[in-house]
Amino acid sequence: MPFPRRLKWALPLVAGSTWLLAATLLMAGDERRERIAYTTRRPAALDLYLLEPESSKTQITDGHGHNYDATFSPDGRWIVFSSERSGNPHLYAIDLHQPGPPKPLTHGSYMDAAPRFAPDGRALLFVSDRDGNADLFTMPFRPGDPGGADQARNLTRNPAGDFRPAVSPDGKTVAFSSDRGRP
């Protein structure tokens, strides 16, 4: 599938870069801004940067632990990402309209990663091993309230590992990868 003309500015970055590890494009709501959030190792930690056309890159995490798996909220206001700043991978949110320190969304002795927003922006899907192995969970997105993680609900509950959720535009279907077919 050919890239739309307006996204061609990002192709040299993605195709010609050895330090780019992940990218997310935003085409949200009425904002229609083209942005890339990417992770790079500089110098020893994985940090998130924001790149917009005709502006310089902006570092949005500070080197405390590895930061990766960034995703934009549907309205473009928030970036949610995984960070190991507390010792375990957990989810954090950064408000792009009112910059400040990342807000913790999850906590505990388990792993939370690969966040994806529901189309309405009110819920997050993510991978967690809080029930013993990697399953898909959903929780309300309330960046000022870390108690939202306590309402996380297991969607897949399977002994195999489930990873990388992707939500359909209507929010009714979730696609994901799994090692269920592994011998």
Protein backbone atom coordinates (compact mmCIF):
# COMPACT_ATOMS: atom_id res chain seq x y z
CA MET A 1 0.00 0.00 0.00
CA PRO A 2 1.58 3.34 -1.01
CA PHE A 3 2.10 5.98 1.67
CA PRO A 4 -0.08 9.09 1.42
CA ARG A 5 1.84 12.05 0.02
CA ARG A 6 1.69 13.97 3.32
CA LEU A 7 3.56 11.17 5.13
CA LYS A 8 6.53 11.05 2.74
CA TRP A 9 8.55 13.30 5.06
CA ALA A 10 8.78 10.40 7.51
CA LEU A 11 10.04 7.81 5.04
CA PRO A 12 13.74 8.81 5.05
CA LEU A 13 13.70 8.71 8.86
CA VAL A 14 12.17 5.23 8.99
CA ALA A 15 13.96 3.73 5.99
CA GLY A 16 17.41 5.29 6.42
CA SER A 17 17.83 5.27 10.17
CA THR A 18 19.54 2.60 12.19
CA TRP A 19 18.59 4.15 15.55
CA LEU A 20 14.84 4.29 15.06
CA LEU A 21 13.18 1.48 17.02
CA ALA A 22 9.46 2.35 17.00
CA ALA A 23 7.16 4.91 15.40
CA THR A 24 3.56 6.00 15.81
CA LEU A 25 1.70 8.35 13.49
CA LEU A 26 -1.11 10.59 14.66
CA MET A 27 -4.02 11.49 12.43
CA ALA A 28 -6.49 12.15 15.23
CA GLY A 29 -9.83 13.93 15.27
CA ASP A 30 -9.87 17.47 13.95
CA GLU A 31 -6.23 18.02 14.86
CA ARG A 32 -4.87 16.09 11.83
CA ARG A 33 -1.25 16.57 12.84
CA GLU A 34 1.41 14.27 11.54
CA ARG A 35 3.72 13.27 14.37
CA ILE A 36 6.06 10.45 15.13
CA ALA A 37 6.93 9.23 18.61
CA TYR A 38 10.01 7.05 18.47
CA THR A 39 12.40 5.30 20.80
CA THR A 40 16.15 5.51 20.54
CA ARG A 41 19.12 4.56 22.71
CA ARG A 42 20.87 7.77 23.82
CA PRO A 43 23.44 7.04 25.27
CA ALA A 44 22.59 4.10 27.54
CA ALA A 45 18.81 4.20 28.07
CA LEU A 46 15.92 3.94 25.65
CA ASP A 47 14.19 7.33 25.50
CA LEU A 48 11.15 8.66 23.66
CA TYR A 49 11.33 11.55 21.23
CA LEU A 50 8.62 13.44 19.37
CA LEU A 51 9.15 14.52 15.76
CA GLU A 52 6.82 16.83 13.87
CA PRO A 53 7.23 18.17 10.33
CA GLU A 54 9.23 21.39 10.08
CA SER A 55 10.39 21.30 13.71
CA SER A 56 13.26 19.75 15.58
CA LYS A 57 12.94 16.57 17.58
CA THR A 58 11.90 16.90 21.22
CA GLN A 59 13.02 14.47 23.90
CA ILE A 60 9.97 13.56 26.00
CA THR A 61 11.46 11.07 28.50
CA ASP A 62 14.49 11.61 30.66
CA GLY A 63 16.62 8.48 30.71
CA HIS A 64 15.19 6.96 33.90
CA GLY A 65 14.91 3.32 32.80
CA HIS A 66 13.99 2.17 29.31
CA ASN A 67 10.99 3.93 27.70
CA TYR A 68 9.26 2.36 24.68
CA ASP A 69 5.96 1.26 23.03
CA ALA A 70 4.58 4.79 22.67
CA THR A 71 1.03 5.36 21.44
CA PHE A 72 -0.97 8.57 20.95
CA SER A 73 -4.43 9.12 22.42
CA PRO A 74 -7.11 9.54 19.72
CA ASP A 75 -7.33 13.29 20.42
CA GLY A 76 -3.54 13.69 20.24
CA ARG A 77 -3.20 15.12 23.73
CA TRP A 78 -1.51 12.17 25.46
CA ILE A 79 1.32 9.75 24.78
CA VAL A 80 1.11 6.52 26.76
CA PHE A 81 4.21 4.33 26.88
CA SER A 82 5.94 1.52 28.74
CA SER A 83 8.76 2.43 31.08
CA GLU A 84 11.08 0.44 33.33
CA ARG A 85 11.84 3.47 35.54
CA SER A 86 10.34 1.71 38.59
CA GLY A 87 12.24 -1.54 37.96
CA ASN A 88 9.35 -3.34 36.21
CA PRO A 89 7.76 -2.34 32.90
CA HIS A 90 4.68 -0.22 33.65
CA LEU A 91 2.50 2.24 31.77
CA TYR A 92 2.95 6.01 32.00
CA ALA A 93 1.23 8.98 30.33
CA ILE A 94 2.62 12.34 29.22
CA ASP A 95 0.29 15.27 28.57
CA LEU A 96 1.53 16.98 25.38
CA HIS A 97 -0.62 20.06 26.07
CA GLN A 98 0.71 20.56 29.62
CA PRO A 99 4.19 19.01 29.80
CA GLY A 100 5.39 17.68 33.10
CA PRO A 101 6.68 14.44 34.58
CA PRO A 102 5.14 11.21 33.29
CA LYS A 103 2.03 10.14 35.20
CA PRO A 104 2.07 6.50 36.35
CA LEU A 105 -0.92 4.49 35.14
CA THR A 106 0.02 1.04 36.47
CA HIS A 107 2.10 -0.27 39.36
CA GLY A 108 3.04 -3.54 41.04
CA SER A 109 5.49 -6.40 40.67
CA TYR A 110 4.33 -7.48 37.21
CA MET A 111 4.93 -6.35 33.63
CA ASP A 112 2.61 -3.99 31.73
CA ALA A 113 3.50 -3.11 28.13
CA ALA A 114 2.28 -2.52 24.56
CA PRO A 115 -0.50 0.03 25.34
CA ARG A 116 -3.17 0.85 22.74
CA PHE A 117 -6.10 3.22 23.08
CA ALA A 118 -9.72 2.33 22.48
CA PRO A 119 -11.06 4.56 19.68
CA ASP A 120 -12.95 6.80 22.13
CA GLY A 121 -9.80 7.35 24.23
CA ARG A 122 -11.49 6.34 27.48
CA ALA A 123 -9.79 2.93 27.83
CA LEU A 124 -6.40 1.35 27.26
CA LEU A 125 -5.63 -2.16 26.12
CA PHE A 126 -2.25 -3.56 27.11
CA VAL A 127 -0.28 -6.73 27.77
CA SER A 128 0.33 -7.78 31.37
CA ASP A 129 1.53 -10.85 33.22
CA ARG A 130 -0.37 -9.93 36.41
CA ASP A 131 -2.38 -13.19 36.18
CA GLY A 132 0.69 -15.39 35.63
CA ASN A 133 1.43 -15.09 31.90
CA ALA A 134 1.12 -12.51 29.12
CA ASP A 135 -2.58 -11.76 28.54
CA LEU A 136 -4.46 -8.78 27.11
CA PHE A 137 -6.08 -6.44 29.60
CA THR A 138 -8.22 -3.34 29.45
CA MET A 139 -8.49 -0.53 31.98
CA PRO A 140 -9.97 2.96 32.11
CA PHE A 141 -7.65 5.75 30.95
CA ARG A 142 -7.58 8.21 33.82
CA PRO A 143 -4.12 9.81 33.84
CA GLY A 144 -4.63 11.62 37.15
CA ASP A 145 -5.77 8.46 38.95
CA PRO A 146 -3.32 5.57 39.29
CA GLY A 147 -6.20 3.56 40.81
CA GLY A 148 -7.46 2.87 37.27
CA ALA A 149 -4.98 -0.02 37.14
CA ASP A 150 -6.90 -1.71 39.94
CA GLN A 151 -9.86 -1.95 37.54
CA ALA A 152 -7.83 -3.77 34.86
CA ARG A 153 -9.78 -6.65 33.35
CA ASN A 154 -8.26 -9.70 31.65
CA LEU A 155 -9.65 -10.10 28.10
CA THR A 156 -7.88 -13.27 26.93
CA ARG A 157 -7.20 -15.46 30.01
CA ASN A 158 -5.24 -18.15 28.17
CA PRO A 159 -2.20 -20.23 29.21
CA ALA A 160 -0.45 -19.17 25.99
CA GLY A 161 1.10 -15.72 25.66
CA ASP A 162 -0.97 -12.96 24.02
CA PHE A 163 0.78 -9.83 22.73
CA ARG A 164 0.53 -6.57 20.71
CA PRO A 165 -3.17 -5.60 20.80
CA ALA A 166 -4.67 -3.61 17.92
CA VAL A 167 -8.19 -2.20 18.23
CA SER A 168 -10.55 -1.86 15.26
CA PRO A 169 -11.77 1.69 14.46
CA ASP A 170 -15.26 0.89 15.79
CA GLY A 171 -13.79 -0.55 19.02
CA LYS A 172 -15.65 -3.85 18.68
CA THR A 173 -12.73 -6.09 17.66
CA VAL A 174 -9.23 -6.59 19.03
CA ALA A 175 -6.54 -8.29 17.00
CA PHE A 176 -3.41 -9.60 18.72
CA SER A 177 -0.54 -11.98 18.27
CA SER A 178 -0.26 -15.15 20.33
CA ASP A 179 1.90 -18.21 20.71
CA ARG A 180 -1.18 -20.44 21.04
CA GLY A 181 -0.26 -22.48 17.97
CA ARG A 182 3.22 -23.28 19.27
CA PRO A 183 3.90 -27.01 19.63
